């Protein structure tokens, strides 16, 4: 069953709501993730927190790739009253990487959320000229987070 974060209204602006489907029972700072999302859109976002086994199945079904991954993004068609999209994050991955790199699970979850959000918005680090990396870096600095997913991937 999904947990629903409440709308935040400030100066007549409705902030995006994250519909959290927390299948892992992970600790998630929804308000923090919403503060990131509102920089880009007022649309709602579905966030699914799951495990490696389930994300492997989702990856296999939607991308024909039979392996677990860290984050998947599914943008929705741009239509009135429609959410922006769905972000699926493996909390198994979050815990492993956070422990390996020595930062919090919350920071790793935020990094993956940013990565997924940028993909939903149309950024693609595999084909762009560094625009996604630049946008990730801006957000990392703004929210005082550790190295981004793209930077870590490029360094390894």
C-alpha atoms as a PDB file:
ATOM      1  CA  UNK A   1       0.000   0.000   0.000  1.00  0.00           C
ATOM      2  CA  UNK A   2       1.336   3.410  -0.946  1.00  0.00           C
ATOM      3  CA  UNK A   3       2.038   6.179   1.541  1.00  0.00           C
ATOM      4  CA  UNK A   4       0.896   9.557   0.307  1.00  0.00           C
ATOM      5  CA  UNK A   5       2.860  12.656   1.153  1.00  0.00           C
ATOM      6  CA  UNK A   6       0.793  15.786   1.586  1.00  0.00           C
ATOM      7  CA  UNK A   7       0.727  18.757  -0.756  1.00  0.00           C
ATOM      8  CA  UNK A   8       2.739  21.709   0.391  1.00  0.00           C
ATOM      9  CA  UNK A   9       1.276  25.094  -0.416  1.00  0.00           C
ATOM     10  CA  UNK A  10       3.522  28.139  -0.183  1.00  0.00           C
ATOM     11  CA  UNK A  11       2.524  31.519  -1.552  1.00  0.00           C
ATOM     12  CA  UNK A  12      -0.221  29.948  -3.685  1.00  0.00           C
ATOM     13  CA  UNK A  13       2.093  27.402  -5.341  1.00  0.00           C
ATOM     14  CA  UNK A  14       1.333  23.724  -4.975  1.00  0.00           C
ATOM     15  CA  UNK A  15       4.515  21.686  -4.679  1.00  0.00           C
ATOM     16  CA  UNK A  16       4.810  18.256  -6.245  1.00  0.00           C
ATOM     17  CA  UNK A  17       3.711  15.313  -4.197  1.00  0.00           C
ATOM     18  CA  UNK A  18       5.636  12.077  -4.100  1.00  0.00           C
ATOM     19  CA  UNK A  19       3.453   9.011  -3.980  1.00  0.00           C
ATOM     20  CA  UNK A  20       5.667   6.596  -2.086  1.00  0.00           C
ATOM     21  CA  UNK A  21       5.289   2.857  -2.605  1.00  0.00           C
ATOM     22  CA  UNK A  22       7.794   1.648  -0.019  1.00  0.00           C
ATOM     23  CA  UNK A  23       8.028  -2.108  -0.609  1.00  0.00           C
ATOM     24  CA  UNK A  24      11.282  -2.307   1.360  1.00  0.00           C
ATOM     25  CA  UNK A  25      10.100  -0.480   4.476  1.00  0.00           C
ATOM     26  CA  UNK A  26      13.061   1.865   4.020  1.00  0.00           C
ATOM     27  CA  UNK A  27      13.453   5.179   5.773  1.00  0.00           C
ATOM     28  CA  UNK A  28      12.622   7.829   3.161  1.00  0.00           C
ATOM     29  CA  UNK A  29      12.690  11.604   3.652  1.00  0.00           C
ATOM     30  CA  UNK A  30       9.836  12.397   1.280  1.00  0.00           C
ATOM     31  CA  UNK A  31       9.889  16.122   2.099  1.00  0.00           C
ATOM     32  CA  UNK A  32      13.560  16.347   1.081  1.00  0.00           C
ATOM     33  CA  UNK A  33      12.924  14.535  -2.215  1.00  0.00           C
ATOM     34  CA  UNK A  34       9.936  16.789  -2.888  1.00  0.00           C
ATOM     35  CA  UNK A  35      12.169  19.837  -2.346  1.00  0.00           C
ATOM     36  CA  UNK A  36      14.404  18.514  -5.140  1.00  0.00           C
ATOM     37  CA  UNK A  37      11.512  17.683  -7.473  1.00  0.00           C
ATOM     38  CA  UNK A  38       9.845  21.080  -7.116  1.00  0.00           C
ATOM     39  CA  UNK A  39      12.852  22.738  -8.753  1.00  0.00           C
ATOM     40  CA  UNK A  40      11.781  21.122 -12.032  1.00  0.00           C
ATOM     41  CA  UNK A  41       8.079  20.405 -11.990  1.00  0.00           C
ATOM     42  CA  UNK A  42       4.833  20.873 -10.101  1.00  0.00           C
ATOM     43  CA  UNK A  43       3.675  17.411 -11.205  1.00  0.00           C
ATOM     44  CA  UNK A  44       3.431  14.450  -8.872  1.00  0.00           C
ATOM     45  CA  UNK A  45       5.957  11.615  -9.005  1.00  0.00           C
ATOM     46  CA  UNK A  46       5.501   7.970  -8.089  1.00  0.00           C
ATOM     47  CA  UNK A  47       8.506   6.598  -6.183  1.00  0.00           C
ATOM     48  CA  UNK A  48       8.841   2.845  -5.705  1.00  0.00           C
ATOM     49  CA  UNK A  49      11.448   1.577  -3.252  1.00  0.00           C
ATOM     50  CA  UNK A  50      12.088  -2.120  -3.811  1.00  0.00           C
ATOM     51  CA  UNK A  51      14.806  -4.790  -3.691  1.00  0.00           C
ATOM     52  CA  UNK A  52      17.285  -6.180  -6.235  1.00  0.00           C
ATOM     53  CA  UNK A  53      15.065  -9.142  -7.089  1.00  0.00           C
ATOM     54  CA  UNK A  54      12.069  -7.016  -8.049  1.00  0.00           C
ATOM     55  CA  UNK A  55      14.051  -4.360  -9.916  1.00  0.00           C
ATOM     56  CA  UNK A  56      15.680  -7.187 -11.917  1.00  0.00           C
ATOM     57  CA  UNK A  57      12.191  -8.338 -12.976  1.00  0.00           C
ATOM     58  CA  UNK A  58      11.130  -4.800 -13.880  1.00  0.00           C
ATOM     59  CA  UNK A  59      14.371  -4.258 -15.841  1.00  0.00           C
ATOM     60  CA  UNK A  60      13.863  -7.549 -17.679  1.00  0.00           C
ATOM     61  CA  UNK A  61      10.226  -6.778 -18.493  1.00  0.00           C
ATOM     62  CA  UNK A  62      10.689  -3.188 -19.676  1.00  0.00           C
ATOM     63  CA  UNK A  63      14.253  -3.109 -21.036  1.00  0.00           C
ATOM     64  CA  UNK A  64      15.010  -6.762 -21.860  1.00  0.00           C
ATOM     65  CA  UNK A  65      18.014  -6.586 -19.532  1.00  0.00           C
ATOM     66  CA  UNK A  66      18.147  -9.489 -17.105  1.00  0.00           C
ATOM     67  CA  UNK A  67      20.078  -7.961 -14.223  1.00  0.00           C
ATOM     68  CA  UNK A  68      19.409  -5.877 -11.166  1.00  0.00           C
ATOM     69  CA  UNK A  69      20.105  -2.182 -11.430  1.00  0.00           C
ATOM     70  CA  UNK A  70      20.099   0.804  -9.097  1.00  0.00           C
ATOM     71  CA  UNK A  71      17.368   3.035 -10.555  1.00  0.00           C
ATOM     72  CA  UNK A  72      14.815   2.898 -13.354  1.00  0.00           C
ATOM     73  CA  UNK A  73      12.742   5.790 -14.683  1.00  0.00           C
ATOM     74  CA  UNK A  74       9.458   5.736 -16.537  1.00  0.00           C
ATOM     75  CA  UNK A  75       8.249   9.119 -17.830  1.00  0.00           C
ATOM     76  CA  UNK A  76       4.526   9.530 -18.463  1.00  0.00           C
ATOM     77  CA  UNK A  77       2.938  11.368 -21.341  1.00  0.00           C
ATOM     78  CA  UNK A  78       2.635  15.061 -20.694  1.00  0.00           C
ATOM     79  CA  UNK A  79      -1.065  15.527 -20.060  1.00  0.00           C
ATOM     80  CA  UNK A  80      -3.099  17.556 -17.584  1.00  0.00           C
ATOM     81  CA  UNK A  81      -3.490  15.912 -14.179  1.00  0.00           C
ATOM     82  CA  UNK A  82      -0.980  13.167 -15.055  1.00  0.00           C
ATOM     83  CA  UNK A  83       2.040  12.512 -12.826  1.00  0.00           C
ATOM     84  CA  UNK A  84       5.479  13.274 -14.232  1.00  0.00           C
ATOM     85  CA  UNK A  85       6.479   9.604 -14.059  1.00  0.00           C
ATOM     86  CA  UNK A  86       7.671   6.734 -11.920  1.00  0.00           C
ATOM     87  CA  UNK A  87      11.105   6.237 -10.379  1.00  0.00           C
ATOM     88  CA  UNK A  88      12.023   2.762  -9.115  1.00  0.00           C
ATOM     89  CA  UNK A  89      15.002   2.431  -6.764  1.00  0.00           C
ATOM     90  CA  UNK A  90      16.597  -0.732  -5.368  1.00  0.00           C
ATOM     91  CA  UNK A  91      17.180  -0.199  -1.654  1.00  0.00           C
ATOM     92  CA  UNK A  92      19.529  -3.216  -1.663  1.00  0.00           C
ATOM     93  CA  UNK A  93      21.715  -1.170  -4.001  1.00  0.00           C
ATOM     94  CA  UNK A  94      21.312   1.962  -1.853  1.00  0.00           C
ATOM     95  CA  UNK A  95      22.578   0.148   1.257  1.00  0.00           C
ATOM     96  CA  UNK A  96      25.514  -1.538  -0.502  1.00  0.00           C
ATOM     97  CA  UNK A  97      26.798   1.610  -2.178  1.00  0.00           C
ATOM     98  CA  UNK A  98      26.267   3.863   0.839  1.00  0.00           C
ATOM     99  CA  UNK A  99      28.226   1.473   3.028  1.00  0.00           C
ATOM    100  CA  UNK A 100      30.978   1.052   0.421  1.00  0.00           C
ATOM    101  CA  UNK A 101      31.378   4.810  -0.102  1.00  0.00           C
ATOM    102  CA  UNK A 102      30.900   5.801   3.520  1.00  0.00           C
ATOM    103  CA  UNK A 103      27.850   8.023   3.266  1.00  0.00           C
ATOM    104  CA  UNK A 104      24.279   7.664   4.483  1.00  0.00           C
ATOM    105  CA  UNK A 105      21.534   5.593   2.890  1.00  0.00           C
ATOM    106  CA  UNK A 106      19.517   8.813   2.716  1.00  0.00           C
ATOM    107  CA  UNK A 107      22.221  10.525   0.635  1.00  0.00           C
ATOM    108  CA  UNK A 108      22.483   7.564  -1.738  1.00  0.00           C
ATOM    109  CA  UNK A 109      18.708   7.434  -2.117  1.00  0.00           C
ATOM    110  CA  UNK A 110      18.654  11.169  -2.917  1.00  0.00           C
ATOM    111  CA  UNK A 111      21.399  10.719  -5.549  1.00  0.00           C
ATOM    112  CA  UNK A 112      19.460   7.943  -7.243  1.00  0.00           C
ATOM    113  CA  UNK A 113      16.239   9.966  -7.031  1.00  0.00           C
ATOM    114  CA  UNK A 114      17.983  12.911  -8.745  1.00  0.00           C
ATOM    115  CA  UNK A 115      19.347  10.585 -11.429  1.00  0.00           C
ATOM    116  CA  UNK A 116      15.918   9.081 -12.057  1.00  0.00           C
ATOM    117  CA  UNK A 117      14.210  12.472 -12.018  1.00  0.00           C
ATOM    118  CA  UNK A 118      16.583  13.877 -14.618  1.00  0.00           C
ATOM    119  CA  UNK A 119      15.910  10.890 -16.874  1.00  0.00           C
ATOM    120  CA  UNK A 120      12.146  11.457 -16.515  1.00  0.00           C
ATOM    121  CA  UNK A 121      12.720  15.070 -17.535  1.00  0.00           C
ATOM    122  CA  UNK A 122      14.464  13.913 -20.726  1.00  0.00           C
ATOM    123  CA  UNK A 123      18.143  14.058 -19.799  1.00  0.00           C
ATOM    124  CA  UNK A 124      20.256  11.140 -21.001  1.00  0.00           C
ATOM    125  CA  UNK A 125      23.933  10.934 -19.984  1.00  0.00           C
ATOM    126  CA  UNK A 126      24.568   8.213 -22.560  1.00  0.00           C
ATOM    127  CA  UNK A 127      23.875  10.514 -25.516  1.00  0.00           C
ATOM    128  CA  UNK A 128      24.022  14.106 -24.303  1.00  0.00           C
ATOM    129  CA  UNK A 129      27.100  16.308 -24.200  1.00  0.00           C
ATOM    130  CA  UNK A 130      27.394  16.422 -20.437  1.00  0.00           C
ATOM    131  CA  UNK A 131      24.157  18.288 -19.736  1.00  0.00           C
ATOM    132  CA  UNK A 132      22.850  15.624 -17.348  1.00  0.00           C
ATOM    133  CA  UNK A 133      26.144  15.450 -15.478  1.00  0.00           C
ATOM    134  CA  UNK A 134      26.175  19.233 -15.157  1.00  0.00           C
ATOM    135  CA  UNK A 135      22.599  19.299 -13.839  1.00  0.00           C
ATOM    136  CA  UNK A 136      23.404  16.516 -11.338  1.00  0.00           C
ATOM    137  CA  UNK A 137      26.450  18.434 -10.151  1.00  0.00           C
ATOM    138  CA  UNK A 138      24.370  21.584  -9.629  1.00  0.00           C
ATOM    139  CA  UNK A 139      21.876  19.654  -7.502  1.00  0.00           C
ATOM    140  CA  UNK A 140      24.601  17.879  -5.540  1.00  0.00           C
ATOM    141  CA  UNK A 141      26.124  21.215  -4.589  1.00  0.00           C
ATOM    142  CA  UNK A 142      22.758  22.797  -3.794  1.00  0.00           C
ATOM    143  CA  UNK A 143      21.742  19.922  -1.501  1.00  0.00           C
ATOM    144  CA  UNK A 144      25.238  19.131  -0.174  1.00  0.00           C
ATOM    145  CA  UNK A 145      25.294  15.528  -1.400  1.00  0.00           C
ATOM    146  CA  UNK A 146      28.256  13.224  -2.191  1.00  0.00           C
ATOM    147  CA  UNK A 147      29.505  12.441  -5.725  1.00  0.00           C
ATOM    148  CA  UNK A 148      26.852  11.746  -8.315  1.00  0.00           C
ATOM    149  CA  UNK A 149      26.075   8.460  -9.975  1.00  0.00           C
ATOM    150  CA  UNK A 150      27.425   9.684 -13.309  1.00  0.00           C
ATOM    151  CA  UNK A 151      30.714  10.881 -11.800  1.00  0.00           C
ATOM    152  CA  UNK A 152      31.184   7.582  -9.953  1.00  0.00           C
ATOM    153  CA  UNK A 153      30.460   5.628 -13.123  1.00  0.00           C
ATOM    154  CA  UNK A 154      32.892   7.713 -15.166  1.00  0.00           C
ATOM    155  CA  UNK A 155      35.620   7.299 -12.532  1.00  0.00           C
ATOM    156  CA  UNK A 156      35.331   3.500 -12.333  1.00  0.00           C
END
